[in-house]
Amino acid sequence: KGGQAKPEWRLVMFTADWCAPCKAWKRDHLEKVRKEIPVELVDIDKAPETRRARVIEGQRVEAISRVPTFWLVKKGQKKPTRVWVGGRTLQQIQQVVDSLED
């Protein structure tokens, strides 16, 4: 614990150039979050496969239809452990990570 995200987690942010909430989150939170946990940005317009539901590691993963959508993914895995739509602060993200570490 101690408020720092563990390095075994990464955050995948599904975003788009036209998404105002995505731009605001990146402006207000991306730099702070990246200091604690790796963040991968995926533009849904440049990665059209994100718009299809698919099976990852034997589990169905829903298509990305709203942005920003965030996946919290454990290192070495491809499917998300947690998914949410809409931005979160660094503190909120750390609370999710801490709850998974318990």
C-alpha atoms as a PDB file:
ATOM      1  CA  LYS A   1       0.000   0.000   0.000  1.00  0.00           C
ATOM      2  CA  GLY A   2       1.241   3.483   0.704  1.00  0.00           C
ATOM      3  CA  GLY A   3      -0.584   5.210  -2.147  1.00  0.00           C
ATOM      4  CA  GLN A   4       1.703   4.160  -4.975  1.00  0.00           C
ATOM      5  CA  ALA A   5       0.483   2.005  -7.842  1.00  0.00           C
ATOM      6  CA  LYS A   6       2.520  -1.150  -8.145  1.00  0.00           C
ATOM      7  CA  PRO A   7       4.594  -1.639 -11.312  1.00  0.00           C
ATOM      8  CA  GLU A   8       2.724  -4.852 -12.120  1.00  0.00           C
ATOM      9  CA  TRP A   9      -0.244  -2.787 -13.311  1.00  0.00           C
ATOM     10  CA  ARG A  10      -0.708  -0.694 -16.429  1.00  0.00           C
ATOM     11  CA  LEU A  11      -3.514   1.560 -17.504  1.00  0.00           C
ATOM     12  CA  VAL A  12      -4.836   1.480 -21.073  1.00  0.00           C
ATOM     13  CA  MET A  13      -6.768   4.591 -22.074  1.00  0.00           C
ATOM     14  CA  PHE A  14      -8.979   4.328 -25.148  1.00  0.00           C
ATOM     15  CA  THR A  15      -9.231   7.806 -26.592  1.00  0.00           C
ATOM     16  CA  ALA A  16      -9.975   9.748 -29.781  1.00  0.00           C
ATOM     17  CA  ASP A  17      -8.780  13.053 -31.221  1.00  0.00           C
ATOM     18  CA  TRP A  18     -12.333  14.449 -31.219  1.00  0.00           C
ATOM     19  CA  CYS A  19     -13.050  13.515 -27.561  1.00  0.00           C
ATOM     20  CA  ALA A  20     -13.104  16.650 -25.355  1.00  0.00           C
ATOM     21  CA  PRO A  21     -13.212  14.684 -22.039  1.00  0.00           C
ATOM     22  CA  CYS A  22     -10.194  12.658 -23.247  1.00  0.00           C
ATOM     23  CA  LYS A  23      -8.238  15.833 -23.979  1.00  0.00           C
ATOM     24  CA  ALA A  24      -9.163  17.286 -20.586  1.00  0.00           C
ATOM     25  CA  TRP A  25      -8.100  14.115 -18.742  1.00  0.00           C
ATOM     26  CA  LYS A  26      -4.784  13.961 -20.598  1.00  0.00           C
ATOM     27  CA  ARG A  27      -4.158  17.653 -19.842  1.00  0.00           C
ATOM     28  CA  ASP A  28      -5.117  17.417 -16.152  1.00  0.00           C
ATOM     29  CA  HIS A  29      -4.080  13.892 -15.111  1.00  0.00           C
ATOM     30  CA  LEU A  30      -1.889  12.007 -17.607  1.00  0.00           C
ATOM     31  CA  GLU A  31       1.482  13.315 -16.426  1.00  0.00           C
ATOM     32  CA  LYS A  32       0.692  12.682 -12.719  1.00  0.00           C
ATOM     33  CA  VAL A  33      -0.685   9.198 -13.375  1.00  0.00           C
ATOM     34  CA  ARG A  34       2.272   8.225 -15.590  1.00  0.00           C
ATOM     35  CA  LYS A  35       4.650   8.953 -12.692  1.00  0.00           C
ATOM     36  CA  GLU A  36       2.974   6.135 -10.745  1.00  0.00           C
ATOM     37  CA  ILE A  37       1.714   3.634 -13.323  1.00  0.00           C
ATOM     38  CA  PRO A  38       2.438   3.044 -17.022  1.00  0.00           C
ATOM     39  CA  VAL A  39      -0.274   4.453 -19.300  1.00  0.00           C
ATOM     40  CA  GLU A  40      -0.861   3.244 -22.856  1.00  0.00           C
ATOM     41  CA  LEU A  41      -2.988   5.478 -25.096  1.00  0.00           C
ATOM     42  CA  VAL A  42      -5.056   3.730 -27.792  1.00  0.00           C
ATOM     43  CA  ASP A  43      -6.834   5.905 -30.369  1.00  0.00           C
ATOM     44  CA  ILE A  44     -10.034   4.045 -31.286  1.00  0.00           C
ATOM     45  CA  ASP A  45     -10.083   5.674 -34.738  1.00  0.00           C
ATOM     46  CA  LYS A  46      -6.543   4.474 -35.515  1.00  0.00           C
ATOM     47  CA  ALA A  47      -7.140   1.011 -33.968  1.00  0.00           C
ATOM     48  CA  PRO A  48     -10.541   0.002 -35.387  1.00  0.00           C
ATOM     49  CA  GLU A  49     -10.340  -3.492 -33.850  1.00  0.00           C
ATOM     50  CA  THR A  50     -11.099  -1.846 -30.510  1.00  0.00           C
ATOM     51  CA  ARG A  51     -14.657  -1.296 -31.739  1.00  0.00           C
ATOM     52  CA  ARG A  52     -15.329  -5.060 -31.919  1.00  0.00           C
ATOM     53  CA  ALA A  53     -16.105  -7.381 -29.045  1.00  0.00           C
ATOM     54  CA  ARG A  54     -13.500 -10.125 -28.952  1.00  0.00           C
ATOM     55  CA  VAL A  55     -12.120 -12.943 -26.866  1.00  0.00           C
ATOM     56  CA  ILE A  56      -8.890 -12.279 -24.980  1.00  0.00           C
ATOM     57  CA  GLU A  57      -7.334 -15.031 -22.877  1.00  0.00           C
ATOM     58  CA  GLY A  58     -10.525 -17.061 -23.120  1.00  0.00           C
ATOM     59  CA  GLN A  59     -12.834 -14.286 -21.908  1.00  0.00           C
ATOM     60  CA  ARG A  60     -15.113 -12.074 -23.930  1.00  0.00           C
ATOM     61  CA  VAL A  61     -14.086  -8.417 -23.840  1.00  0.00           C
ATOM     62  CA  GLU A  62     -16.650  -5.875 -24.926  1.00  0.00           C
ATOM     63  CA  ALA A  63     -16.012  -3.466 -27.758  1.00  0.00           C
ATOM     64  CA  ILE A  64     -15.010   0.074 -26.907  1.00  0.00           C
ATOM     65  CA  SER A  65     -17.967   2.278 -27.798  1.00  0.00           C
ATOM     66  CA  ARG A  66     -17.444   5.256 -25.471  1.00  0.00           C
ATOM     67  CA  VAL A  67     -14.342   7.281 -24.758  1.00  0.00           C
ATOM     68  CA  PRO A  68     -12.529   7.733 -22.574  1.00  0.00           C
ATOM     69  CA  THR A  69     -12.626   4.093 -21.508  1.00  0.00           C
ATOM     70  CA  PHE A  70      -9.919   2.816 -19.190  1.00  0.00           C
ATOM     71  CA  TRP A  71      -8.641  -0.709 -18.688  1.00  0.00           C
ATOM     72  CA  LEU A  72      -6.552  -1.616 -15.664  1.00  0.00           C
ATOM     73  CA  VAL A  73      -4.421  -4.547 -16.789  1.00  0.00           C
ATOM     74  CA  LYS A  74      -2.104  -6.716 -14.704  1.00  0.00           C
ATOM     75  CA  LYS A  75       1.413  -7.112 -16.130  1.00  0.00           C
ATOM     76  CA  GLY A  76       1.688 -10.103 -18.437  1.00  0.00           C
ATOM     77  CA  GLN A  77      -2.037 -10.191 -19.169  1.00  0.00           C
ATOM     78  CA  LYS A  78      -4.005  -8.848 -22.107  1.00  0.00           C
ATOM     79  CA  LYS A  79      -7.511  -8.737 -20.664  1.00  0.00           C
ATOM     80  CA  PRO A  80      -8.479  -6.022 -18.209  1.00  0.00           C
ATOM     81  CA  THR A  81      -8.980  -6.669 -14.504  1.00  0.00           C
ATOM     82  CA  ARG A  82     -11.113  -3.504 -14.190  1.00  0.00           C
ATOM     83  CA  VAL A  83     -12.879  -1.392 -16.825  1.00  0.00           C
ATOM     84  CA  TRP A  84     -14.472   2.021 -16.426  1.00  0.00           C
ATOM     85  CA  VAL A  85     -15.776   4.793 -18.654  1.00  0.00           C
ATOM     86  CA  GLY A  86     -14.823   8.351 -17.795  1.00  0.00           C
ATOM     87  CA  GLY A  87     -11.764   9.827 -16.172  1.00  0.00           C
ATOM     88  CA  ARG A  88     -10.440   9.091 -12.707  1.00  0.00           C
ATOM     89  CA  THR A  89      -7.931  11.011 -10.637  1.00  0.00           C
ATOM     90  CA  LEU A  90      -4.623   9.470  -9.631  1.00  0.00           C
ATOM     91  CA  GLN A  91      -5.999   8.965  -6.107  1.00  0.00           C
ATOM     92  CA  GLN A  92      -9.075   7.141  -7.444  1.00  0.00           C
ATOM     93  CA  ILE A  93      -6.917   4.909  -9.660  1.00  0.00           C
ATOM     94  CA  GLN A  94      -4.642   4.109  -6.710  1.00  0.00           C
ATOM     95  CA  GLN A  95      -7.688   3.177  -4.616  1.00  0.00           C
ATOM     96  CA  VAL A  96      -8.735   0.673  -7.285  1.00  0.00           C
ATOM     97  CA  VAL A  97      -5.206  -0.782  -7.436  1.00  0.00           C
ATOM     98  CA  ASP A  98      -5.022  -0.974  -3.639  1.00  0.00           C
ATOM     99  CA  SER A  99      -8.394  -2.770  -3.479  1.00  0.00           C
ATOM    100  CA  LEU A 100      -7.085  -5.388  -5.915  1.00  0.00           C
ATOM    101  CA  GLU A 101      -3.916  -5.893  -3.871  1.00  0.00           C
ATOM    102  CA  ASP A 102      -5.844  -6.770  -0.689  1.00  0.00           C
END
